[in-house]
Amino acid sequence: MLVKPYAQSIPPWLCLPDVHPPVSIELISPVLRFKKDNHLREYVKGVWDRIAAVYTVETSFYYGTHVDVSTNNGYTSEQVKAIAYAALDLESAINALALADRLKNEYCEGFFASNKGFKGKKVERAIVGVGEVDESHQTMVVELQNLGTDRYYVWNFSNL
């Protein structure tokens, strides 16, 4: 998919119904590829600008950030590990952007706050732990990240 700056196009998957009273929404986008110079930042910003133009956006501790990692074509174990490394490395940055109350949301918990495999560890040690997982067993990385089938972390690997 060619990603253009939002000012030039409105994503076809972003339809905004006129709803009352206030509701929560979940955005499910097409695959957004992270490549150099593809205007991804402008595209995502444009989506939020479009939403803000139509709705009043409010925050609540009920809301949170949740990323489902999935694929139709399959990832290699090396790719799953790379995503896991990024999720662990970026957790503190994501938490810094969230309201304090949102960090307590039971549906999008942090790995270092709630996952027994990472709780109390430093990022570097957690990343080493993921790296030590047998590459021939991708499901072991998924189980480490999501403690089996527990999908309620900021990053949900259980769809893999």
C-alpha atoms as a PDB file:
ATOM      1  CA  MET A   1       0.000   0.000   0.000  1.00  0.00           C
ATOM      2  CA  LEU A   2       1.341   3.414  -0.933  1.00  0.00           C
ATOM      3  CA  VAL A   3       1.176   5.674   2.090  1.00  0.00           C
ATOM      4  CA  LYS A   4       0.714   9.356   1.273  1.00  0.00           C
ATOM      5  CA  PRO A   5       0.693  12.271   3.678  1.00  0.00           C
ATOM      6  CA  TYR A   6      -2.797  12.404   5.163  1.00  0.00           C
ATOM      7  CA  ALA A   7      -3.588  15.842   3.791  1.00  0.00           C
ATOM      8  CA  GLN A   8      -3.698  14.255   0.339  1.00  0.00           C
ATOM      9  CA  SER A   9      -5.818  11.203   1.149  1.00  0.00           C
ATOM     10  CA  ILE A  10      -8.266   9.807   3.678  1.00  0.00           C
ATOM     11  CA  PRO A  11      -7.726   6.127   4.455  1.00  0.00           C
ATOM     12  CA  PRO A  12     -10.698   4.140   3.126  1.00  0.00           C
ATOM     13  CA  TRP A  13     -10.853   2.068   6.313  1.00  0.00           C
ATOM     14  CA  LEU A  14     -11.413   5.162   8.463  1.00  0.00           C
ATOM     15  CA  CYS A  15     -15.130   5.819   8.454  1.00  0.00           C
ATOM     16  CA  LEU A  16     -16.386   7.862  11.362  1.00  0.00           C
ATOM     17  CA  PRO A  17     -20.036   7.307  12.244  1.00  0.00           C
ATOM     18  CA  ASP A  18     -22.053  10.010  13.937  1.00  0.00           C
ATOM     19  CA  VAL A  19     -22.576   8.432  17.350  1.00  0.00           C
ATOM     20  CA  HIS A  20     -24.098   9.695  20.575  1.00  0.00           C
ATOM     21  CA  PRO A  21     -23.620   9.271  23.544  1.00  0.00           C
ATOM     22  CA  PRO A  22     -19.824   9.058  23.845  1.00  0.00           C
ATOM     23  CA  VAL A  23     -18.347   5.703  22.944  1.00  0.00           C
ATOM     24  CA  SER A  24     -14.992   3.982  22.881  1.00  0.00           C
ATOM     25  CA  ILE A  25     -13.517   3.154  19.515  1.00  0.00           C
ATOM     26  CA  GLU A  26     -10.967   0.629  18.389  1.00  0.00           C
ATOM     27  CA  LEU A  27      -8.874   1.369  15.331  1.00  0.00           C
ATOM     28  CA  ILE A  28      -7.949  -1.631  13.251  1.00  0.00           C
ATOM     29  CA  SER A  29      -5.733  -0.465  10.442  1.00  0.00           C
ATOM     30  CA  PRO A  30      -4.339  -2.204   7.437  1.00  0.00           C
ATOM     31  CA  VAL A  31      -0.754  -3.365   7.865  1.00  0.00           C
ATOM     32  CA  LEU A  32       1.406  -0.285   8.324  1.00  0.00           C
ATOM     33  CA  ARG A  33       4.925  -0.983   7.145  1.00  0.00           C
ATOM     34  CA  PHE A  34       7.830   0.734   8.843  1.00  0.00           C
ATOM     35  CA  LYS A  35      10.128   1.700   5.990  1.00  0.00           C
ATOM     36  CA  LYS A  36      12.383   4.687   5.524  1.00  0.00           C
ATOM     37  CA  ASP A  37      10.685   7.726   3.966  1.00  0.00           C
ATOM     38  CA  ASN A  38       7.186   6.232   3.701  1.00  0.00           C
ATOM     39  CA  HIS A  39       5.330   9.034   5.509  1.00  0.00           C
ATOM     40  CA  LEU A  40       3.992   6.619   8.125  1.00  0.00           C
ATOM     41  CA  ARG A  41       4.153   9.253  10.849  1.00  0.00           C
ATOM     42  CA  GLU A  42       2.081  11.690   8.770  1.00  0.00           C
ATOM     43  CA  TYR A  43      -0.410   8.939   7.951  1.00  0.00           C
ATOM     44  CA  VAL A  44      -0.975   8.003  11.606  1.00  0.00           C
ATOM     45  CA  LYS A  45      -1.096  11.667  12.639  1.00  0.00           C
ATOM     46  CA  GLY A  46      -3.643  12.258   9.894  1.00  0.00           C
ATOM     47  CA  VAL A  47      -5.869   9.515  11.269  1.00  0.00           C
ATOM     48  CA  TRP A  48      -5.853  11.152  14.707  1.00  0.00           C
ATOM     49  CA  ASP A  49      -6.389  14.605  13.187  1.00  0.00           C
ATOM     50  CA  ARG A  50      -9.434  13.262  11.317  1.00  0.00           C
ATOM     51  CA  ILE A  51     -10.853  11.738  14.488  1.00  0.00           C
ATOM     52  CA  ALA A  52     -10.237  14.957  16.452  1.00  0.00           C
ATOM     53  CA  ALA A  53     -11.972  16.995  13.728  1.00  0.00           C
ATOM     54  CA  VAL A  54     -15.160  14.960  14.132  1.00  0.00           C
ATOM     55  CA  TYR A  55     -15.117  13.940  17.792  1.00  0.00           C
ATOM     56  CA  THR A  56     -14.067  15.305  21.139  1.00  0.00           C
ATOM     57  CA  VAL A  57     -11.342  12.964  22.306  1.00  0.00           C
ATOM     58  CA  GLU A  58     -11.214  12.392  26.041  1.00  0.00           C
ATOM     59  CA  THR A  59      -9.007  10.206  28.179  1.00  0.00           C
ATOM     60  CA  SER A  60      -9.976   7.747  30.845  1.00  0.00           C
ATOM     61  CA  PHE A  61      -8.175   5.137  32.888  1.00  0.00           C
ATOM     62  CA  TYR A  62     -10.442   2.619  31.157  1.00  0.00           C
ATOM     63  CA  TYR A  63      -8.619   3.202  27.875  1.00  0.00           C
ATOM     64  CA  GLY A  64      -5.189   1.983  26.993  1.00  0.00           C
ATOM     65  CA  THR A  65      -2.753   1.099  24.268  1.00  0.00           C
ATOM     66  CA  HIS A  66      -2.875  -2.445  22.974  1.00  0.00           C
ATOM     67  CA  VAL A  67      -0.966  -3.787  19.966  1.00  0.00           C
ATOM     68  CA  ASP A  68      -1.947  -7.151  18.504  1.00  0.00           C
ATOM     69  CA  VAL A  69       0.955  -8.814  16.726  1.00  0.00           C
ATOM     70  CA  SER A  70      -0.333 -11.103  13.999  1.00  0.00           C
ATOM     71  CA  THR A  71       0.346 -12.041  10.417  1.00  0.00           C
ATOM     72  CA  ASN A  72      -1.260 -13.880   7.551  1.00  0.00           C
ATOM     73  CA  ASN A  73       2.033 -15.093   6.128  1.00  0.00           C
ATOM     74  CA  GLY A  74       3.870 -16.088   9.281  1.00  0.00           C
ATOM     75  CA  TYR A  75       6.935 -14.633  10.925  1.00  0.00           C
ATOM     76  CA  THR A  76      10.230 -16.381  11.423  1.00  0.00           C
ATOM     77  CA  SER A  77      11.366 -16.898  15.000  1.00  0.00           C
ATOM     78  CA  GLU A  78      14.005 -14.242  14.376  1.00  0.00           C
ATOM     79  CA  GLN A  79      11.317 -11.728  13.360  1.00  0.00           C
ATOM     80  CA  VAL A  80       9.165 -12.557  16.394  1.00  0.00           C
ATOM     81  CA  LYS A  81      12.181 -12.023  18.620  1.00  0.00           C
ATOM     82  CA  ALA A  82      12.898  -8.666  16.950  1.00  0.00           C
ATOM     83  CA  ILE A  83       9.334  -7.536  17.674  1.00  0.00           C
ATOM     84  CA  ALA A  84       9.667  -8.777  21.258  1.00  0.00           C
ATOM     85  CA  TYR A  85      12.947  -6.867  21.684  1.00  0.00           C
ATOM     86  CA  ALA A  86      11.265  -3.679  20.451  1.00  0.00           C
ATOM     87  CA  ALA A  87       8.232  -4.197  22.705  1.00  0.00           C
ATOM     88  CA  LEU A  88      10.453  -4.602  25.750  1.00  0.00           C
ATOM     89  CA  ASP A  89      12.784  -1.766  24.818  1.00  0.00           C
ATOM     90  CA  LEU A  90       9.931   0.680  24.086  1.00  0.00           C
ATOM     91  CA  GLU A  91       7.747  -0.159  27.076  1.00  0.00           C
ATOM     92  CA  SER A  92       9.080   2.645  29.274  1.00  0.00           C
ATOM     93  CA  ALA A  93       8.637   5.175  26.434  1.00  0.00           C
ATOM     94  CA  ILE A  94       5.038   4.045  25.873  1.00  0.00           C
ATOM     95  CA  ASN A  95       4.366   4.187  29.618  1.00  0.00           C
ATOM     96  CA  ALA A  96       5.794   7.713  29.790  1.00  0.00           C
ATOM     97  CA  LEU A  97       3.126   8.857  27.311  1.00  0.00           C
ATOM     98  CA  ALA A  98       0.223   7.260  29.184  1.00  0.00           C
ATOM     99  CA  LEU A  99      -1.743   8.694  32.068  1.00  0.00           C
ATOM    100  CA  ALA A 100      -0.718   7.107  35.369  1.00  0.00           C
ATOM    101  CA  ASP A 101      -4.183   5.558  35.843  1.00  0.00           C
ATOM    102  CA  ARG A 102      -4.004   3.938  32.407  1.00  0.00           C
ATOM    103  CA  LEU A 103      -0.941   1.963  33.476  1.00  0.00           C
ATOM    104  CA  LYS A 104      -3.265   0.033  35.802  1.00  0.00           C
ATOM    105  CA  ASN A 105      -5.614  -1.068  33.002  1.00  0.00           C
ATOM    106  CA  GLU A 106      -6.014  -4.838  33.319  1.00  0.00           C
ATOM    107  CA  TYR A 107      -6.462  -5.264  29.557  1.00  0.00           C
ATOM    108  CA  CYS A 108      -3.158  -3.683  28.531  1.00  0.00           C
ATOM    109  CA  GLU A 109      -0.630  -4.347  31.252  1.00  0.00           C
ATOM    110  CA  GLY A 110       3.070  -3.770  30.910  1.00  0.00           C
ATOM    111  CA  PHE A 111       5.464  -6.679  30.686  1.00  0.00           C
ATOM    112  CA  PHE A 112       7.693  -5.343  33.461  1.00  0.00           C
ATOM    113  CA  ALA A 113       4.766  -4.562  35.776  1.00  0.00           C
ATOM    114  CA  SER A 114       2.770  -7.780  35.349  1.00  0.00           C
ATOM    115  CA  ASN A 115       4.561 -10.542  33.458  1.00  0.00           C
ATOM    116  CA  LYS A 116       6.257 -12.941  35.912  1.00  0.00           C
ATOM    117  CA  GLY A 117       8.993 -13.609  33.350  1.00  0.00           C
ATOM    118  CA  PHE A 118      10.008  -9.940  33.202  1.00  0.00           C
ATOM    119  CA  LYS A 119       8.852  -8.429  36.504  1.00  0.00           C
ATOM    120  CA  GLY A 120      11.750  -6.841  38.381  1.00  0.00           C
ATOM    121  CA  LYS A 121      14.210  -7.293  35.501  1.00  0.00           C
ATOM    122  CA  LYS A 122      16.062  -4.598  33.656  1.00  0.00           C
ATOM    123  CA  VAL A 123      15.309  -4.184  29.951  1.00  0.00           C
ATOM    124  CA  GLU A 124      18.705  -5.510  28.929  1.00  0.00           C
ATOM    125  CA  ARG A 125      18.245  -8.739  30.926  1.00  0.00           C
ATOM    126  CA  ALA A 126      14.720  -9.236  29.579  1.00  0.00           C
ATOM    127  CA  ILE A 127      16.007  -8.875  26.019  1.00  0.00           C
ATOM    128  CA  VAL A 128      18.789 -11.379  26.704  1.00  0.00           C
ATOM    129  CA  GLY A 129      16.134 -13.784  28.042  1.00  0.00           C
ATOM    130  CA  VAL A 130      14.147 -13.524  24.817  1.00  0.00           C
ATOM    131  CA  GLY A 131      17.338 -14.052  22.841  1.00  0.00           C
ATOM    132  CA  GLU A 132      18.012 -17.270  24.733  1.00  0.00           C
ATOM    133  CA  VAL A 133      14.733 -18.850  23.610  1.00  0.00           C
ATOM    134  CA  ASP A 134      15.226 -21.754  21.197  1.00  0.00           C
ATOM    135  CA  GLU A 135      14.770 -20.306  17.700  1.00  0.00           C
ATOM    136  CA  SER A 136      13.200 -23.495  16.412  1.00  0.00           C
ATOM    137  CA  HIS A 137      10.215 -22.916  18.716  1.00  0.00           C
ATOM    138  CA  GLN A 138       8.569 -19.595  17.874  1.00  0.00           C
ATOM    139  CA  THR A 139       5.722 -20.429  20.230  1.00  0.00           C
ATOM    140  CA  MET A 140       8.162 -20.293  23.133  1.00  0.00           C
ATOM    141  CA  VAL A 141       8.715 -16.573  22.460  1.00  0.00           C
ATOM    142  CA  VAL A 142       4.943 -16.053  22.334  1.00  0.00           C
ATOM    143  CA  GLU A 143       4.511 -17.946  25.607  1.00  0.00           C
ATOM    144  CA  LEU A 144       7.281 -15.933  27.253  1.00  0.00           C
ATOM    145  CA  GLN A 145       5.782 -12.610  26.155  1.00  0.00           C
ATOM    146  CA  ASN A 146       2.185 -13.474  26.978  1.00  0.00           C
ATOM    147  CA  LEU A 147       2.533 -16.181  29.622  1.00  0.00           C
ATOM    148  CA  GLY A 148       0.833 -18.779  27.503  1.00  0.00           C
ATOM    149  CA  THR A 149      -2.476 -17.378  26.312  1.00  0.00           C
ATOM    150  CA  ASP A 150      -2.728 -14.207  28.433  1.00  0.00           C
ATOM    151  CA  ARG A 151      -3.356 -11.585  25.758  1.00  0.00           C
ATOM    152  CA  TYR A 152      -3.892  -8.600  28.035  1.00  0.00           C
ATOM    153  CA  TYR A 153      -0.536  -6.887  27.707  1.00  0.00           C
ATOM    154  CA  VAL A 154       0.270  -3.722  25.786  1.00  0.00           C
ATOM    155  CA  TRP A 155       1.756  -6.047  23.142  1.00  0.00           C
ATOM    156  CA  ASN A 156      -0.266  -9.180  22.471  1.00  0.00           C
ATOM    157  CA  PHE A 157       1.740 -11.944  20.778  1.00  0.00           C
ATOM    158  CA  SER A 158      -0.863 -14.677  21.380  1.00  0.00           C
ATOM    159  CA  ASN A 159      -2.337 -14.338  17.864  1.00  0.00           C
ATOM    160  CA  LEU A 160       0.869 -15.805  16.490  1.00  0.00           C
END
